Amino acid sequence: MNHDKELDARGLNCPLPILRCKKALAELQGGQVLRVIATDPGSVKDFQAFCKQTGHELLEHEAADGEFVFVIKKRM
């Protein structure tokens, strides 16, 4: 999936991936897409809750080889 920015949050534990994501989204325009790569297993629930609370759209998430990839569309 195409994305406008990528955030590498590998090796960071809660709440740092979410905080870095929030900062990265602030630099994007509404409708742009951020791809986040994380290694914290708790990030799956964290990103789902974050998107639900903030109104950003979690377009997809996948897990492979201990890494979690999230694709988030910034709300308009």
PDB file of N, CA and C in Angstrom:
ATOM      1  N   MET A   1       0.852  -1.181   0.000  1.00  0.00           N
ATOM      2  CA  MET A   1       0.000   0.000   0.000  1.00  0.00           C
ATOM      3  C   MET A   1       0.898   1.245   0.000  1.00  0.00           C
ATOM      4  N   ASN A   2       0.502   2.227  -0.768  1.00  0.00           N
ATOM      5  CA  ASN A   2       1.264   3.475  -0.820  1.00  0.00           C
ATOM      6  C   ASN A   2       1.113   4.256   0.472  1.00  0.00           C
ATOM      7  N   HIS A   3       2.181   4.943   0.851  1.00  0.00           N
ATOM      8  CA  HIS A   3       2.132   5.768   2.050  1.00  0.00           C
ATOM      9  C   HIS A   3       2.960   7.032   1.817  1.00  0.00           C
ATOM     10  N   ASP A   4       2.646   8.077   2.573  1.00  0.00           N
ATOM     11  CA  ASP A   4       3.323   9.362   2.422  1.00  0.00           C
ATOM     12  C   ASP A   4       4.526   9.496   3.340  1.00  0.00           C
ATOM     13  N   LYS A   5       4.526   8.769   4.445  1.00  0.00           N
ATOM     14  CA  LYS A   5       5.612   8.844   5.415  1.00  0.00           C
ATOM     15  C   LYS A   5       5.726   7.509   6.122  1.00  0.00           C
ATOM     16  N   GLU A   6       6.945   7.173   6.547  1.00  0.00           N
ATOM     17  CA  GLU A   6       7.154   5.937   7.288  1.00  0.00           C
ATOM     18  C   GLU A   6       7.827   6.245   8.613  1.00  0.00           C
ATOM     19  N   LEU A   7       7.367   5.562   9.650  1.00  0.00           N
ATOM     20  CA  LEU A   7       7.920   5.722  10.990  1.00  0.00           C
ATOM     21  C   LEU A   7       8.471   4.385  11.463  1.00  0.00           C
ATOM     22  N   ASP A   8       9.740   4.366  11.830  1.00  0.00           N
ATOM     23  CA  ASP A   8      10.373   3.164  12.360  1.00  0.00           C
ATOM     24  C   ASP A   8      10.356   3.246  13.885  1.00  0.00           C
ATOM     25  N   ALA A   9       9.471   2.468  14.509  1.00  0.00           N
ATOM     26  CA  ALA A   9       9.353   2.459  15.968  1.00  0.00           C
ATOM     27  C   ALA A   9       9.843   1.127  16.534  1.00  0.00           C
ATOM     28  N   ARG A  10      10.683   0.431  15.781  1.00  0.00           N
ATOM     29  CA  ARG A  10      11.220  -0.849  16.241  1.00  0.00           C
ATOM     30  C   ARG A  10      12.104  -0.630  17.463  1.00  0.00           C
ATOM     31  N   GLY A  11      11.956  -1.522  18.447  1.00  0.00           N
ATOM     32  CA  GLY A  11      12.758  -1.444  19.663  1.00  0.00           C
ATOM     33  C   GLY A  11      12.178  -0.527  20.724  1.00  0.00           C
ATOM     34  N   LEU A  12      11.102   0.173  20.404  1.00  0.00           N
ATOM     35  CA  LEU A  12      10.471   1.078  21.368  1.00  0.00           C
ATOM     36  C   LEU A  12       9.293   0.380  22.037  1.00  0.00           C
ATOM     37  N   ASN A  13       9.117   0.645  23.323  1.00  0.00           N
ATOM     38  CA  ASN A  13       7.991   0.073  24.063  1.00  0.00           C
ATOM     39  C   ASN A  13       6.973   1.146  24.383  1.00  0.00           C
ATOM     40  N   CYS A  14       5.759   0.701  24.674  1.00  0.00           N
ATOM     41  CA  CYS A  14       4.656   1.579  25.027  1.00  0.00           C
ATOM     42  C   CYS A  14       5.104   2.574  26.099  1.00  0.00           C
ATOM     43  N   PRO A  15       4.789   3.842  25.971  1.00  0.00           N
ATOM     44  CA  PRO A  15       3.921   4.476  24.974  1.00  0.00           C
ATOM     45  C   PRO A  15       4.674   5.127  23.812  1.00  0.00           C
ATOM     46  N   LEU A  16       5.966   4.879  23.689  1.00  0.00           N
ATOM     47  CA  LEU A  16       6.756   5.587  22.682  1.00  0.00           C
ATOM     48  C   LEU A  16       6.287   5.401  21.236  1.00  0.00           C
ATOM     49  N   PRO A  17       5.900   4.191  20.785  1.00  0.00           N
ATOM     50  CA  PRO A  17       5.420   4.099  19.402  1.00  0.00           C
ATOM     51  C   PRO A  17       4.209   4.999  19.125  1.00  0.00           C
ATOM     52  N   ILE A  18       3.299   5.069  20.071  1.00  0.00           N
ATOM     53  CA  ILE A  18       2.113   5.917  19.896  1.00  0.00           C
ATOM     54  C   ILE A  18       2.501   7.394  19.909  1.00  0.00           C
ATOM     55  N   LEU A  19       3.379   7.777  20.810  1.00  0.00           N
ATOM     56  CA  LEU A  19       3.798   9.180  20.879  1.00  0.00           C
ATOM     57  C   LEU A  19       4.517   9.601  19.601  1.00  0.00           C
ATOM     58  N   ARG A  20       5.375   8.743  19.083  1.00  0.00           N
ATOM     59  CA  ARG A  20       6.082   9.058  17.822  1.00  0.00           C
ATOM     60  C   ARG A  20       5.097   9.099  16.655  1.00  0.00           C
ATOM     61  N   CYS A  21       4.105   8.222  16.686  1.00  0.00           N
ATOM     62  CA  CYS A  21       3.075   8.201  15.649  1.00  0.00           C
ATOM     63  C   CYS A  21       2.283   9.508  15.669  1.00  0.00           C
ATOM     64  N   LYS A  22       1.923   9.930  16.845  1.00  0.00           N
ATOM     65  CA  LYS A  22       1.157  11.173  16.997  1.00  0.00           C
ATOM     66  C   LYS A  22       1.943  12.357  16.424  1.00  0.00           C
ATOM     67  N   LYS A  23       3.228  12.398  16.708  1.00  0.00           N
ATOM     68  CA  LYS A  23       4.088  13.471  16.196  1.00  0.00           C
ATOM     69  C   LYS A  23       4.193  13.398  14.671  1.00  0.00           C
ATOM     70  N   ALA A  24       4.362  12.197  14.138  1.00  0.00           N
ATOM     71  CA  ALA A  24       4.473  12.031  12.687  1.00  0.00           C
ATOM     72  C   ALA A  24       3.177  12.415  11.983  1.00  0.00           C
ATOM     73  N   LEU A  25       2.043  12.053  12.566  1.00  0.00           N
ATOM     74  CA  LEU A  25       0.755  12.415  11.966  1.00  0.00           C
ATOM     75  C   LEU A  25       0.543  13.925  11.962  1.00  0.00           C
ATOM     76  N   ALA A  26       1.072  14.609  12.965  1.00  0.00           N
ATOM     77  CA  ALA A  26       0.938  16.071  13.037  1.00  0.00           C
ATOM     78  C   ALA A  26       1.653  16.747  11.866  1.00  0.00           C
ATOM     79  N   GLU A  27       2.631  16.073  11.293  1.00  0.00           N
ATOM     80  CA  GLU A  27       3.386  16.631  10.169  1.00  0.00           C
ATOM     81  C   GLU A  27       2.730  16.347   8.819  1.00  0.00           C
ATOM     82  N   LEU A  28       1.672  15.536   8.823  1.00  0.00           N
ATOM     83  CA  LEU A  28       0.977  15.183   7.582  1.00  0.00           C
ATOM     84  C   LEU A  28      -0.283  16.014   7.400  1.00  0.00           C
ATOM     85  N   GLN A  29      -0.746  16.088   6.162  1.00  0.00           N
ATOM     86  CA  GLN A  29      -2.017  16.734   5.844  1.00  0.00           C
ATOM     87  C   GLN A  29      -3.143  15.710   6.000  1.00  0.00           C
ATOM     88  N   GLY A  30      -4.362  16.174   6.193  1.00  0.00           N
ATOM     89  CA  GLY A  30      -5.511  15.290   6.285  1.00  0.00           C
ATOM     90  C   GLY A  30      -5.612  14.414   5.045  1.00  0.00           C
ATOM     91  N   GLY A  31      -5.840  13.120   5.234  1.00  0.00           N
ATOM     92  CA  GLY A  31      -5.968  12.187   4.129  1.00  0.00           C
ATOM     93  C   GLY A  31      -4.659  11.510   3.739  1.00  0.00           C
ATOM     94  N   GLN A  32      -3.531  12.017   4.240  1.00  0.00           N
ATOM     95  CA  GLN A  32      -2.258  11.374   3.936  1.00  0.00           C
ATOM     96  C   GLN A  32      -2.094  10.124   4.795  1.00  0.00           C
ATOM     97  N   VAL A  33      -1.169   9.259   4.389  1.00  0.00           N
ATOM     98  CA  VAL A  33      -1.040   7.936   4.998  1.00  0.00           C
ATOM     99  C   VAL A  33       0.338   7.768   5.640  1.00  0.00           C
ATOM    100  N   LEU A  34       0.326   7.251   6.855  1.00  0.00           N
ATOM    101  CA  LEU A  34       1.543   6.969   7.621  1.00  0.00           C
ATOM    102  C   LEU A  34       1.675   5.458   7.792  1.00  0.00           C
ATOM    103  N   ARG A  35       2.874   4.952   7.538  1.00  0.00           N
ATOM    104  CA  ARG A  35       3.174   3.528   7.761  1.00  0.00           C
ATOM    105  C   ARG A  35       4.099   3.443   8.963  1.00  0.00           C
ATOM    106  N   VAL A  36       3.703   2.649   9.958  1.00  0.00           N
ATOM    107  CA  VAL A  36       4.477   2.499  11.192  1.00  0.00           C
ATOM    108  C   VAL A  36       4.939   1.054  11.322  1.00  0.00           C
ATOM    109  N   ILE A  37       6.229   0.886  11.654  1.00  0.00           N
ATOM    110  CA  ILE A  37       6.774  -0.442  11.920  1.00  0.00           C
ATOM    111  C   ILE A  37       7.172  -0.481  13.394  1.00  0.00           C
ATOM    112  N   ALA A  38       6.628  -1.439  14.138  1.00  0.00           N
ATOM    113  CA  ALA A  38       6.892  -1.546  15.570  1.00  0.00           C
ATOM    114  C   ALA A  38       7.228  -3.000  15.927  1.00  0.00           C
ATOM    115  N   THR A  39       7.851  -3.182  17.091  1.00  0.00           N
ATOM    116  CA  THR A  39       8.164  -4.536  17.565  1.00  0.00           C
ATOM    117  C   THR A  39       7.484  -4.849  18.895  1.00  0.00           C
ATOM    118  N   ASP A  40       6.845  -3.890  19.501  1.00  0.00           N
ATOM    119  CA  ASP A  40       6.162  -4.087  20.782  1.00  0.00           C
ATOM    120  C   ASP A  40       4.850  -4.835  20.540  1.00  0.00           C
ATOM    121  N   PRO A  41       4.692  -6.057  21.087  1.00  0.00           N
ATOM    122  CA  PRO A  41       3.452  -6.814  20.869  1.00  0.00           C
ATOM    123  C   PRO A  41       2.203  -6.070  21.342  1.00  0.00           C
ATOM    124  N   GLY A  42       2.344  -5.214  22.337  1.00  0.00           N
ATOM    125  CA  GLY A  42       1.207  -4.444  22.828  1.00  0.00           C
ATOM    126  C   GLY A  42       0.763  -3.352  21.879  1.00  0.00           C
ATOM    127  N   SER A  43       1.569  -3.097  20.867  1.00  0.00           N
ATOM    128  CA  SER A  43       1.242  -2.013  19.942  1.00  0.00           C
ATOM    129  C   SER A  43      -0.009  -2.304  19.120  1.00  0.00           C
ATOM    130  N   VAL A  44      -0.360  -3.575  18.949  1.00  0.00           N
ATOM    131  CA  VAL A  44      -1.554  -3.907  18.170  1.00  0.00           C
ATOM    132  C   VAL A  44      -2.789  -3.283  18.822  1.00  0.00           C
ATOM    133  N   LYS A  45      -2.981  -3.565  20.092  1.00  0.00           N
ATOM    134  CA  LYS A  45      -4.134  -2.987  20.800  1.00  0.00           C
ATOM    135  C   LYS A  45      -3.979  -1.473  20.954  1.00  0.00           C
ATOM    136  N   ASP A  46      -2.742  -1.022  21.179  1.00  0.00           N
ATOM    137  CA  ASP A  46      -2.497   0.414  21.354  1.00  0.00           C
ATOM    138  C   ASP A  46      -2.896   1.205  20.109  1.00  0.00           C
ATOM    139  N   PHE A  47      -2.492   0.740  18.928  1.00  0.00           N
ATOM    140  CA  PHE A  47      -2.803   1.473  17.702  1.00  0.00           C
ATOM    141  C   PHE A  47      -4.277   1.396  17.354  1.00  0.00           C
ATOM    142  N   GLN A  48      -4.912   0.263  17.651  1.00  0.00           N
ATOM    143  CA  GLN A  48      -6.355   0.163  17.419  1.00  0.00           C
ATOM    144  C   GLN A  48      -7.101   1.175  18.290  1.00  0.00           C
ATOM    145  N   ALA A  49      -6.730   1.251  19.560  1.00  0.00           N
ATOM    146  CA  ALA A  49      -7.376   2.192  20.483  1.00  0.00           C
ATOM    147  C   ALA A  49      -7.050   3.634  20.105  1.00  0.00           C
ATOM    148  N   PHE A  50      -5.811   3.890  19.736  1.00  0.00           N
ATOM    149  CA  PHE A  50      -5.397   5.236  19.351  1.00  0.00           C
ATOM    150  C   PHE A  50      -6.222   5.744  18.162  1.00  0.00           C
ATOM    151  N   CYS A  51      -6.374   4.913  17.151  1.00  0.00           N
ATOM    152  CA  CYS A  51      -7.133   5.331  15.968  1.00  0.00           C
ATOM    153  C   CYS A  51      -8.607   5.536  16.294  1.00  0.00           C
ATOM    154  N   LYS A  52      -9.151   4.663  17.111  1.00  0.00           N
ATOM    155  CA  LYS A  52     -10.559   4.796  17.498  1.00  0.00           C
ATOM    156  C   LYS A  52     -10.796   6.096  18.274  1.00  0.00           C
ATOM    157  N   GLN A  53      -9.874   6.435  19.166  1.00  0.00           N
ATOM    158  CA  GLN A  53     -10.025   7.626  19.998  1.00  0.00           C
ATOM    159  C   GLN A  53      -9.771   8.920  19.238  1.00  0.00           C
ATOM    160  N   THR A  54      -8.873   8.891  18.255  1.00  0.00           N
ATOM    161  CA  THR A  54      -8.478  10.126  17.569  1.00  0.00           C
ATOM    162  C   THR A  54      -9.198  10.357  16.251  1.00  0.00           C
ATOM    163  N   GLY A  55      -9.857   9.329  15.718  1.00  0.00           N
ATOM    164  CA  GLY A  55     -10.573   9.481  14.461  1.00  0.00           C
ATOM    165  C   GLY A  55      -9.733   9.199  13.229  1.00  0.00           C
ATOM    166  N   HIS A  56      -8.474   8.819  13.411  1.00  0.00           N
ATOM    167  CA  HIS A  56      -7.657   8.406  12.272  1.00  0.00           C
ATOM    168  C   HIS A  56      -8.100   7.006  11.863  1.00  0.00           C
ATOM    169  N   GLU A  57      -7.873   6.666  10.595  1.00  0.00           N
ATOM    170  CA  GLU A  57      -8.348   5.376  10.091  1.00  0.00           C
ATOM    171  C   GLU A  57      -7.194   4.381  10.000  1.00  0.00           C
ATOM    172  N   LEU A  58      -7.340   3.260  10.695  1.00  0.00           N
ATOM    173  CA  LEU A  58      -6.362   2.187  10.610  1.00  0.00           C
ATOM    174  C   LEU A  58      -6.715   1.372   9.370  1.00  0.00           C
ATOM    175  N   LEU A  59      -5.981   1.624   8.292  1.00  0.00           N
ATOM    176  CA  LEU A  59      -6.289   0.989   7.015  1.00  0.00           C
ATOM    177  C   LEU A  59      -5.924  -0.488   7.017  1.00  0.00           C
ATOM    178  N   GLU A  60      -4.800  -0.811   7.629  1.00  0.00           N
ATOM    179  CA  GLU A  60      -4.401  -2.216   7.726  1.00  0.00           C
ATOM    180  C   GLU A  60      -3.334  -2.383   8.789  1.00  0.00           C
ATOM    181  N   HIS A  61      -3.238  -3.594   9.279  1.00  0.00           N
ATOM    182  CA  HIS A  61      -2.123  -3.942  10.162  1.00  0.00           C
ATOM    183  C   HIS A  61      -1.803  -5.414   9.943  1.00  0.00           C
ATOM    184  N   GLU A  62      -0.522  -5.709  10.029  1.00  0.00           N
ATOM    185  CA  GLU A  62      -0.084  -7.081   9.842  1.00  0.00           C
ATOM    186  C   GLU A  62       1.081  -7.364  10.769  1.00  0.00           C
ATOM    187  N   ALA A  63       1.276  -8.627  11.053  1.00  0.00           N
ATOM    188  CA  ALA A  63       2.371  -9.057  11.918  1.00  0.00           C
ATOM    189  C   ALA A  63       3.155 -10.143  11.212  1.00  0.00           C
ATOM    190  N   ALA A  64       4.483 -10.020  11.258  1.00  0.00           N
ATOM    191  CA  ALA A  64       5.350 -11.044  10.668  1.00  0.00           C
ATOM    192  C   ALA A  64       6.733 -10.930  11.282  1.00  0.00           C
ATOM    193  N   ASP A  65       7.280 -12.058  11.679  1.00  0.00           N
ATOM    194  CA  ASP A  65       8.654 -12.114  12.193  1.00  0.00           C
ATOM    195  C   ASP A  65       8.911 -11.149  13.348  1.00  0.00           C
ATOM    196  N   GLY A  66       7.936 -11.018  14.239  1.00  0.00           N
ATOM    197  CA  GLY A  66       8.117 -10.158  15.411  1.00  0.00           C
ATOM    198  C   GLY A  66       7.966  -8.683  15.137  1.00  0.00           C
ATOM    199  N   GLU A  67       7.568  -8.323  13.921  1.00  0.00           N
ATOM    200  CA  GLU A  67       7.330  -6.918  13.592  1.00  0.00           C
ATOM    201  C   GLU A  67       5.859  -6.709  13.275  1.00  0.00           C
ATOM    202  N   PHE A  68       5.385  -5.544  13.621  1.00  0.00           N
ATOM    203  CA  PHE A  68       3.992  -5.176  13.394  1.00  0.00           C
ATOM    204  C   PHE A  68       3.976  -3.936  12.518  1.00  0.00           C
ATOM    205  N   VAL A  69       3.213  -4.008  11.440  1.00  0.00           N
ATOM    206  CA  VAL A  69       3.136  -2.890  10.508  1.00  0.00           C
ATOM    207  C   VAL A  69       1.711  -2.341  10.533  1.00  0.00           C
ATOM    208  N   PHE A  70       1.616  -1.031  10.704  1.00  0.00           N
ATOM    209  CA  PHE A  70       0.317  -0.344  10.749  1.00  0.00           C
ATOM    210  C   PHE A  70       0.296   0.709   9.656  1.00  0.00           C
ATOM    211  N   VAL A  71      -0.817   0.797   8.939  1.00  0.00           N
ATOM    212  CA  VAL A  71      -0.988   1.818   7.920  1.00  0.00           C
ATOM    213  C   VAL A  71      -2.177   2.669   8.371  1.00  0.00           C
ATOM    214  N   ILE A  72      -1.895   3.936   8.631  1.00  0.00           N
ATOM    215  CA  ILE A  72      -2.876   4.834   9.245  1.00  0.00           C
ATOM    216  C   ILE A  72      -3.124   6.039   8.340  1.00  0.00           C
ATOM    217  N   LYS A  73      -4.385   6.306   8.069  1.00  0.00           N
ATOM    218  CA  LYS A  73      -4.772   7.471   7.277  1.00  0.00           C
ATOM    219  C   LYS A  73      -5.190   8.588   8.223  1.00  0.00           C
ATOM    220  N   LYS A  74      -4.551   9.733   8.081  1.00  0.00           N
ATOM    221  CA  LYS A  74      -4.854  10.867   8.959  1.00  0.00           C
ATOM    222  C   LYS A  74      -6.261  11.391   8.667  1.00  0.00           C
ATOM    223  N   ARG A  75      -6.972  11.698   9.724  1.00  0.00           N
ATOM    224  CA  ARG A  75      -8.338  12.219   9.537  1.00  0.00           C
ATOM    225  C   ARG A  75      -8.269  13.585   8.861  1.00  0.00           C
ATOM    226  N   MET A  76      -9.329  13.922   8.192  1.00  0.00           N
ATOM    227  CA  MET A  76      -9.384  15.201   7.472  1.00  0.00           C
ATOM    228  C   MET A  76      -9.533  16.374   8.399  1.00  0.00           C
TER     229      MET A  76
END
